Amino acid sequence: QAPGKEREFVAAISWSGGRIHYADSVKGRFTIS
């Protein structure tokens, strides 16, 4: 959440780590593990 903006999704990971999803704005730059 940036100042003056709504909270936004960045990345998510399933319990096993086998399924991952990123927001388009961070894809290729951020890695969730």
All heavy atoms as atom14 arrays in JSON, in Angstrom:
{
  "sequence": "QAPGKEREFVAAISWSGGRIHYADSVKGRFTIS",
  "atom14_mask": [
    [1, 1, 1, 1, 1, 1, 1, 1, 1, 0, 0, 0, 0, 0],
    [1, 1, 1, 1, 1, 0, 0, 0, 0, 0, 0, 0, 0, 0],
    [1, 1, 1, 1, 1, 1, 1, 0, 0, 0, 0, 0, 0, 0],
    [1, 1, 1, 1, 0, 0, 0, 0, 0, 0, 0, 0, 0, 0],
    [1, 1, 1, 1, 1, 1, 1, 1, 1, 0, 0, 0, 0, 0],
    [1, 1, 1, 1, 1, 1, 1, 1, 1, 0, 0, 0, 0, 0],
    [1, 1, 1, 1, 1, 1, 1, 1, 1, 1, 1, 0, 0, 0],
    [1, 1, 1, 1, 1, 1, 1, 1, 1, 0, 0, 0, 0, 0],
    [1, 1, 1, 1, 1, 1, 1, 1, 1, 1, 1, 0, 0, 0],
    [1, 1, 1, 1, 1, 1, 1, 0, 0, 0, 0, 0, 0, 0],
    [1, 1, 1, 1, 1, 0, 0, 0, 0, 0, 0, 0, 0, 0],
    [1, 1, 1, 1, 1, 0, 0, 0, 0, 0, 0, 0, 0, 0],
    [1, 1, 1, 1, 1, 1, 1, 1, 0, 0, 0, 0, 0, 0],
    [1, 1, 1, 1, 1, 1, 0, 0, 0, 0, 0, 0, 0, 0],
    [1, 1, 1, 1, 1, 1, 1, 1, 1, 1, 1, 1, 1, 1],
    [1, 1, 1, 1, 1, 1, 0, 0, 0, 0, 0, 0, 0, 0],
    [1, 1, 1, 1, 0, 0, 0, 0, 0, 0, 0, 0, 0, 0],
    [1, 1, 1, 1, 0, 0, 0, 0, 0, 0, 0, 0, 0, 0],
    [1, 1, 1, 1, 1, 1, 1, 1, 1, 1, 1, 0, 0, 0],
    [1, 1, 1, 1, 1, 1, 1, 1, 0, 0, 0, 0, 0, 0],
    [1, 1, 1, 1, 1, 1, 1, 1, 1, 1, 0, 0, 0, 0],
    [1, 1, 1, 1, 1, 1, 1, 1, 1, 1, 1, 1, 0, 0],
    [1, 1, 1, 1, 1, 0, 0, 0, 0, 0, 0, 0, 0, 0],
    [1, 1, 1, 1, 1, 1, 1, 1, 0, 0, 0, 0, 0, 0],
    [1, 1, 1, 1, 1, 1, 0, 0, 0, 0, 0, 0, 0, 0],
    [1, 1, 1, 1, 1, 1, 1, 0, 0, 0, 0, 0, 0, 0],
    [1, 1, 1, 1, 1, 1, 1, 1, 1, 0, 0, 0, 0, 0],
    [1, 1, 1, 1, 0, 0, 0, 0, 0, 0, 0, 0, 0, 0],
    [1, 1, 1, 1, 1, 1, 1, 1, 1, 1, 1, 0, 0, 0],
    [1, 1, 1, 1, 1, 1, 1, 1, 1, 1, 1, 0, 0, 0],
    [1, 1, 1, 1, 1, 1, 1, 0, 0, 0, 0, 0, 0, 0],
    [1, 1, 1, 1, 1, 1, 1, 1, 0, 0, 0, 0, 0, 0],
    [1, 1, 1, 1, 1, 1, 0, 0, 0, 0, 0, 0, 0, 0]
  ],
  "atom14_positions": [
    [[0.85, -1.19, 0.0], [0.0, 0.0, 0.0], [0.87, 1.23, 0.0], [1.65, 1.45, 0.93], [-0.94, 0.01, 1.2], [-1.97, 1.11, 1.16], [-3.08, 0.93, 2.17], [-2.94, 0.17, 3.14], [-4.2, 1.6, 1.95], [0.0, 0.0, 0.0], [0.0, 0.0, 0.0], [0.0, 0.0, 0.0], [0.0, 0.0, 0.0], [0.0, 0.0, 0.0]],
    [[0.73, 2.01, -1.04], [1.45, 3.27, -1.16], [0.59, 4.39, -0.58], [-0.65, 4.26, -0.52], [1.78, 3.55, -2.62], [0.0, 0.0, 0.0], [0.0, 0.0, 0.0], [0.0, 0.0, 0.0], [0.0, 0.0, 0.0], [0.0, 0.0, 0.0], [0.0, 0.0, 0.0], [0.0, 0.0, 0.0], [0.0, 0.0, 0.0], [0.0, 0.0, 0.0]],
    [[1.2, 5.5, -0.17], [0.43, 6.61, 0.39], [-0.66, 7.08, -0.55], [-0.41, 7.31, -1.74], [1.49, 7.69, 0.61], [2.77, 6.95, 0.77], [2.65, 5.76, -0.16], [0.0, 0.0, 0.0], [0.0, 0.0, 0.0], [0.0, 0.0, 0.0], [0.0, 0.0, 0.0], [0.0, 0.0, 0.0], [0.0, 0.0, 0.0], [0.0, 0.0, 0.0]],
    [[-1.86, 7.19, -0.04], [-2.97, 7.69, -0.83], [-3.56, 6.69, -1.8], [-4.45, 7.04, -2.58], [0.0, 0.0, 0.0], [0.0, 0.0, 0.0], [0.0, 0.0, 0.0], [0.0, 0.0, 0.0], [0.0, 0.0, 0.0], [0.0, 0.0, 0.0], [0.0, 0.0, 0.0], [0.0, 0.0, 0.0], [0.0, 0.0, 0.0], [0.0, 0.0, 0.0]],
    [[-3.07, 5.46, -1.74], [-3.56, 4.44, -2.66], [-4.14, 3.26, -1.89], [-3.86, 3.07, -0.72], [-2.44, 3.96, -3.59], [-1.92, 5.03, -4.53], [-0.94, 4.46, -5.52], [-0.48, 5.5, -6.51], [0.46, 4.92, -7.52], [0.0, 0.0, 0.0], [0.0, 0.0, 0.0], [0.0, 0.0, 0.0], [0.0, 0.0, 0.0], [0.0, 0.0, 0.0]],
    [[-4.92, 2.46, -2.59], [-5.49, 1.27, -1.98], [-4.43, 0.16, -1.92], [-3.47, 0.15, -2.69], [-6.7, 0.79, -2.79], [-7.87, 1.74, -2.75], [-9.1, 1.18, -3.42], [-9.0, 0.11, -4.06], [-10.16, 1.82, -3.33], [0.0, 0.0, 0.0], [0.0, 0.0, 0.0], [0.0, 0.0, 0.0], [0.0, 0.0, 0.0], [0.0, 0.0, 0.0]],
    [[-4.66, -0.76, -0.99], [-3.78, -1.92, -0.89], [-3.9, -2.75, -2.16], [-5.01, -2.99, -2.66], [-4.15, -2.76, 0.33], [-3.17, -3.85, 0.65], [-3.49, -4.5, 1.99], [-3.39, -3.54, 3.08], [-3.43, -3.89, 4.36], [-3.58, -5.17, 4.7], [-3.34, -2.97, 5.3], [0.0, 0.0, 0.0], [0.0, 0.0, 0.0], [0.0, 0.0, 0.0]],
    [[-2.77, -3.19, -2.68], [-2.79, -3.96, -3.92], [-2.01, -5.26, -3.78], [-1.05, -5.35, -3.02], [-2.21, -3.14, -5.08], [-0.75, -2.81, -4.97], [-0.2, -2.15, -6.24], [-0.95, -1.98, -7.22], [1.0, -1.83, -6.24], [0.0, 0.0, 0.0], [0.0, 0.0, 0.0], [0.0, 0.0, 0.0], [0.0, 0.0, 0.0], [0.0, 0.0, 0.0]],
    [[-2.43, -6.24, -4.54], [-1.81, -7.55, -4.56], [-0.43, -7.47, -5.21], [-0.24, -6.76, -6.2], [-2.7, -8.52, -5.32], [-2.05, -9.83, -5.66], [-1.87, -10.78, -4.69], [-1.6, -10.07, -6.94], [-1.26, -11.99, -4.99], [-0.99, -11.27, -7.27], [-0.82, -12.22, -6.28], [0.0, 0.0, 0.0], [0.0, 0.0, 0.0], [0.0, 0.0, 0.0]],
    [[0.52, -8.23, -4.65], [1.86, -8.3, -5.22], [2.18, -9.72, -5.69], [2.53, -9.93, -6.85], [2.92, -7.84, -4.2], [4.33, -8.03, -4.76], [2.69, -6.39, -3.8], [0.0, 0.0, 0.0], [0.0, 0.0, 0.0], [0.0, 0.0, 0.0], [0.0, 0.0, 0.0], [0.0, 0.0, 0.0], [0.0, 0.0, 0.0], [0.0, 0.0, 0.0]],
    [[2.07, -10.69, -4.77], [2.44, -12.07, -5.1], [1.76, -13.01, -4.13], [1.44, -12.64, -3.01], [3.95, -12.25, -5.05], [0.0, 0.0, 0.0], [0.0, 0.0, 0.0], [0.0, 0.0, 0.0], [0.0, 0.0, 0.0], [0.0, 0.0, 0.0], [0.0, 0.0, 0.0], [0.0, 0.0, 0.0], [0.0, 0.0, 0.0], [0.0, 0.0, 0.0]],
    [[1.55, -14.25, -4.58], [0.92, -15.26, -3.74], [1.54, -16.62, -4.01], [2.03, -16.88, -5.12], [-0.58, -15.32, -3.99], [0.0, 0.0, 0.0], [0.0, 0.0, 0.0], [0.0, 0.0, 0.0], [0.0, 0.0, 0.0], [0.0, 0.0, 0.0], [0.0, 0.0, 0.0], [0.0, 0.0, 0.0], [0.0, 0.0, 0.0], [0.0, 0.0, 0.0]],
    [[1.5, -17.47, -2.99], [2.09, -18.8, -3.1], [1.22, -19.79, -2.36], [0.71, -19.5, -1.27], [3.54, -18.79, -2.57], [4.26, -20.1, -2.85], [3.57, -18.44, -1.08], [5.77, -20.02, -2.61], [0.0, 0.0, 0.0], [0.0, 0.0, 0.0], [0.0, 0.0, 0.0], [0.0, 0.0, 0.0], [0.0, 0.0, 0.0], [0.0, 0.0, 0.0]],
    [[1.04, -20.97, -2.94], [0.25, -22.01, -2.29], [1.02, -22.62, -1.13], [2.21, -22.37, -0.97], [-0.12, -23.08, -3.31], [1.06, -23.71, -3.81], [0.0, 0.0, 0.0], [0.0, 0.0, 0.0], [0.0, 0.0, 0.0], [0.0, 0.0, 0.0], [0.0, 0.0, 0.0], [0.0, 0.0, 0.0], [0.0, 0.0, 0.0], [0.0, 0.0, 0.0]],
    [[0.35, -23.46, -0.35], [0.98, -24.01, 0.84], [2.22, -24.83, 0.5], [3.2, -24.83, 1.24], [0.0, -24.86, 1.65], [-0.38, -26.16, 0.99], [-1.45, -26.4, 0.2], [0.34, -27.4, 1.1], [-1.45, -27.7, -0.22], [-0.37, -28.35, 0.32], [1.49, -27.81, 1.76], [0.04, -29.66, 0.2], [1.9, -29.13, 1.64], [1.18, -30.04, 0.86]],
    [[2.2, -25.49, -0.63], [3.33, -26.34, -1.02], [4.41, -25.58, -1.76], [5.52, -26.09, -1.96], [2.83, -27.47, -1.92], [2.39, -26.94, -3.16], [0.0, 0.0, 0.0], [0.0, 0.0, 0.0], [0.0, 0.0, 0.0], [0.0, 0.0, 0.0], [0.0, 0.0, 0.0], [0.0, 0.0, 0.0], [0.0, 0.0, 0.0], [0.0, 0.0, 0.0]],
    [[4.09, -24.38, -2.21], [5.02, -23.63, -3.05], [4.91, -24.0, -4.52], [5.6, -23.43, -5.35], [0.0, 0.0, 0.0], [0.0, 0.0, 0.0], [0.0, 0.0, 0.0], [0.0, 0.0, 0.0], [0.0, 0.0, 0.0], [0.0, 0.0, 0.0], [0.0, 0.0, 0.0], [0.0, 0.0, 0.0], [0.0, 0.0, 0.0], [0.0, 0.0, 0.0]],
    [[4.0, -24.92, -4.82], [3.9, -25.38, -6.19], [3.11, -24.49, -7.12], [3.19, -24.62, -8.34], [0.0, 0.0, 0.0], [0.0, 0.0, 0.0], [0.0, 0.0, 0.0], [0.0, 0.0, 0.0], [0.0, 0.0, 0.0], [0.0, 0.0, 0.0], [0.0, 0.0, 0.0], [0.0, 0.0, 0.0], [0.0, 0.0, 0.0], [0.0, 0.0, 0.0]],
    [[2.34, -23.59, -6.54], [1.55, -22.65, -7.34], [1.87, -21.25, -6.9], [1.8, -20.93, -5.69], [0.06, -22.95, -7.21], [-0.34, -24.34, -7.67], [-1.83, -24.5, -7.69], [-2.44, -23.67, -8.74], [-3.74, -23.52, -8.9], [-4.59, -24.11, -8.07], [-4.22, -22.77, -9.86], [0.0, 0.0, 0.0], [0.0, 0.0, 0.0], [0.0, 0.0, 0.0]],
    [[2.2, -20.4, -7.86], [2.63, -19.03, -7.58], [1.95, -18.1, -8.57], [1.72, -18.46, -9.73], [4.17, -18.92, -7.69], [4.84, -19.64, -6.51], [4.61, -17.47, -7.76], [6.34, -19.72, -6.6], [0.0, 0.0, 0.0], [0.0, 0.0, 0.0], [0.0, 0.0, 0.0], [0.0, 0.0, 0.0], [0.0, 0.0, 0.0], [0.0, 0.0, 0.0]],
    [[1.67, -16.91, -8.1], [1.02, -15.9, -8.96], [1.58, -14.52, -8.62], [1.82, -14.23, -7.44], [-0.48, -15.93, -8.74], [-1.25, -15.03, -9.64], [-1.25, -15.16, -11.0], [-2.04, -13.96, -9.36], [-2.02, -14.22, -11.54], [-2.5, -13.48, -10.56], [0.0, 0.0, 0.0], [0.0, 0.0, 0.0], [0.0, 0.0, 0.0], [0.0, 0.0, 0.0]],
    [[1.79, -13.71, -9.64], [2.33, -12.36, -9.46], [1.43, -11.32, -10.11], [0.77, -11.59, -11.12], [3.71, -12.24, -10.1], [4.77, -13.12, -9.5], [5.13, -14.31, -10.11], [5.42, -12.75, -8.32], [6.09, -15.14, -9.56], [6.39, -13.57, -7.76], [6.72, -14.75, -8.38], [7.68, -15.55, -7.82], [0.0, 0.0, 0.0], [0.0, 0.0, 0.0]],
    [[1.45, -10.14, -9.55], [0.85, -9.01, -10.22], [1.69, -8.67, -11.45], [2.92, -8.85, -11.44], [0.79, -7.8, -9.28], [0.0, 0.0, 0.0], [0.0, 0.0, 0.0], [0.0, 0.0, 0.0], [0.0, 0.0, 0.0], [0.0, 0.0, 0.0], [0.0, 0.0, 0.0], [0.0, 0.0, 0.0], [0.0, 0.0, 0.0], [0.0, 0.0, 0.0]],
    [[1.06, -8.18, -12.49], [1.78, -7.86, -13.71], [2.88, -6.84, -13.47], [3.93, -6.88, -14.12], [0.81, -7.33, -14.77], [-0.09, -8.42, -15.34], [0.24, -9.61, -15.18], [-1.12, -8.07, -15.95], [0.0, 0.0, 0.0], [0.0, 0.0, 0.0], [0.0, 0.0, 0.0], [0.0, 0.0, 0.0], [0.0, 0.0, 0.0], [0.0, 0.0, 0.0]],
    [[2.66, -5.95, -12.53], [3.61, -4.87, -12.28], [4.94, -5.35, -11.7], [5.93, -4.63, -11.75], [2.99, -3.83, -11.34], [2.63, -4.44, -10.11], [0.0, 0.0, 0.0], [0.0, 0.0, 0.0], [0.0, 0.0, 0.0], [0.0, 0.0, 0.0], [0.0, 0.0, 0.0], [0.0, 0.0, 0.0], [0.0, 0.0, 0.0], [0.0, 0.0, 0.0]],
    [[4.96, -6.56, -11.14], [6.19, -7.06, -10.52], [6.72, -8.32, -11.2], [7.8, -8.8, -10.85], [5.99, -7.34, -9.02], [5.44, -6.09, -8.31], [5.08, -8.53, -8.78], [0.0, 0.0, 0.0], [0.0, 0.0, 0.0], [0.0, 0.0, 0.0], [0.0, 0.0, 0.0], [0.0, 0.0, 0.0], [0.0, 0.0, 0.0], [0.0, 0.0, 0.0]],
    [[5.98, -8.84, -12.14], [6.37, -10.08, -12.8], [7.73, -9.93, -13.46], [8.0, -8.94, -14.15], [5.3, -10.48, -13.83], [5.29, -11.93, -14.23], [4.07, -12.22, -15.09], [2.77, -12.09, -14.32], [1.59, -12.46, -15.13], [0.0, 0.0, 0.0], [0.0, 0.0, 0.0], [0.0, 0.0, 0.0], [0.0, 0.0, 0.0], [0.0, 0.0, 0.0]],
    [[8.6, -10.89, -13.23], [9.95, -10.85, -13.78], [10.95, -10.12, -12.92], [12.16, -10.19, -13.17], [0.0, 0.0, 0.0], [0.0, 0.0, 0.0], [0.0, 0.0, 0.0], [0.0, 0.0, 0.0], [0.0, 0.0, 0.0], [0.0, 0.0, 0.0], [0.0, 0.0, 0.0], [0.0, 0.0, 0.0], [0.0, 0.0, 0.0], [0.0, 0.0, 0.0]],
    [[10.46, -9.41, -11.9], [11.36, -8.66, -11.0], [11.31, -9.21, -9.57], [12.32, -9.19, -8.87], [10.98, -7.19, -10.98], [11.09, -6.51, -12.32], [10.89, -4.99, -12.19], [9.57, -4.64, -11.67], [9.37, -3.92, -10.56], [10.41, -3.49, -9.86], [8.15, -3.63, -10.15], [0.0, 0.0, 0.0], [0.0, 0.0, 0.0], [0.0, 0.0, 0.0]],
    [[10.14, -9.66, -9.15], [9.95, -10.16, -7.78], [9.81, -11.68, -7.81], [9.25, -12.24, -8.76], [8.7, -9.56, -7.15], [8.78, -8.1, -6.83], [9.82, -7.29, -7.28], [7.8, -7.5, -6.05], [9.89, -5.94, -6.98], [7.85, -6.16, -5.73], [8.89, -5.37, -6.21], [0.0, 0.0, 0.0], [0.0, 0.0, 0.0], [0.0, 0.0, 0.0]],
    [[10.26, -12.31, -6.73], [10.12, -13.76, -6.58], [9.62, -14.08, -5.18], [10.25, -13.67, -4.19], [11.44, -14.48, -6.82], [11.93, -14.17, -8.14], [11.26, -15.98, -6.71], [0.0, 0.0, 0.0], [0.0, 0.0, 0.0], [0.0, 0.0, 0.0], [0.0, 0.0, 0.0], [0.0, 0.0, 0.0], [0.0, 0.0, 0.0], [0.0, 0.0, 0.0]],
    [[8.52, -14.79, -5.1], [7.99, -15.24, -3.81], [8.43, -16.69, -3.6], [8.47, -17.48, -4.54], [6.46, -15.1, -3.75], [5.94, -15.38, -2.33], [5.78, -15.99, -4.78], [4.46, -15.07, -2.15], [0.0, 0.0, 0.0], [0.0, 0.0, 0.0], [0.0, 0.0, 0.0], [0.0, 0.0, 0.0], [0.0, 0.0, 0.0], [0.0, 0.0, 0.0]],
    [[8.78, -17.01, -2.37], [9.17, -18.37, -2.02], [8.82, -18.61, -0.56], [8.47, -17.66, 0.17], [10.66, -18.59, -2.27], [11.44, -17.73, -1.46], [0.0, 0.0, 0.0], [0.0, 0.0, 0.0], [0.0, 0.0, 0.0], [0.0, 0.0, 0.0], [0.0, 0.0, 0.0], [0.0, 0.0, 0.0], [0.0, 0.0, 0.0], [0.0, 0.0, 0.0]]
  ]
}
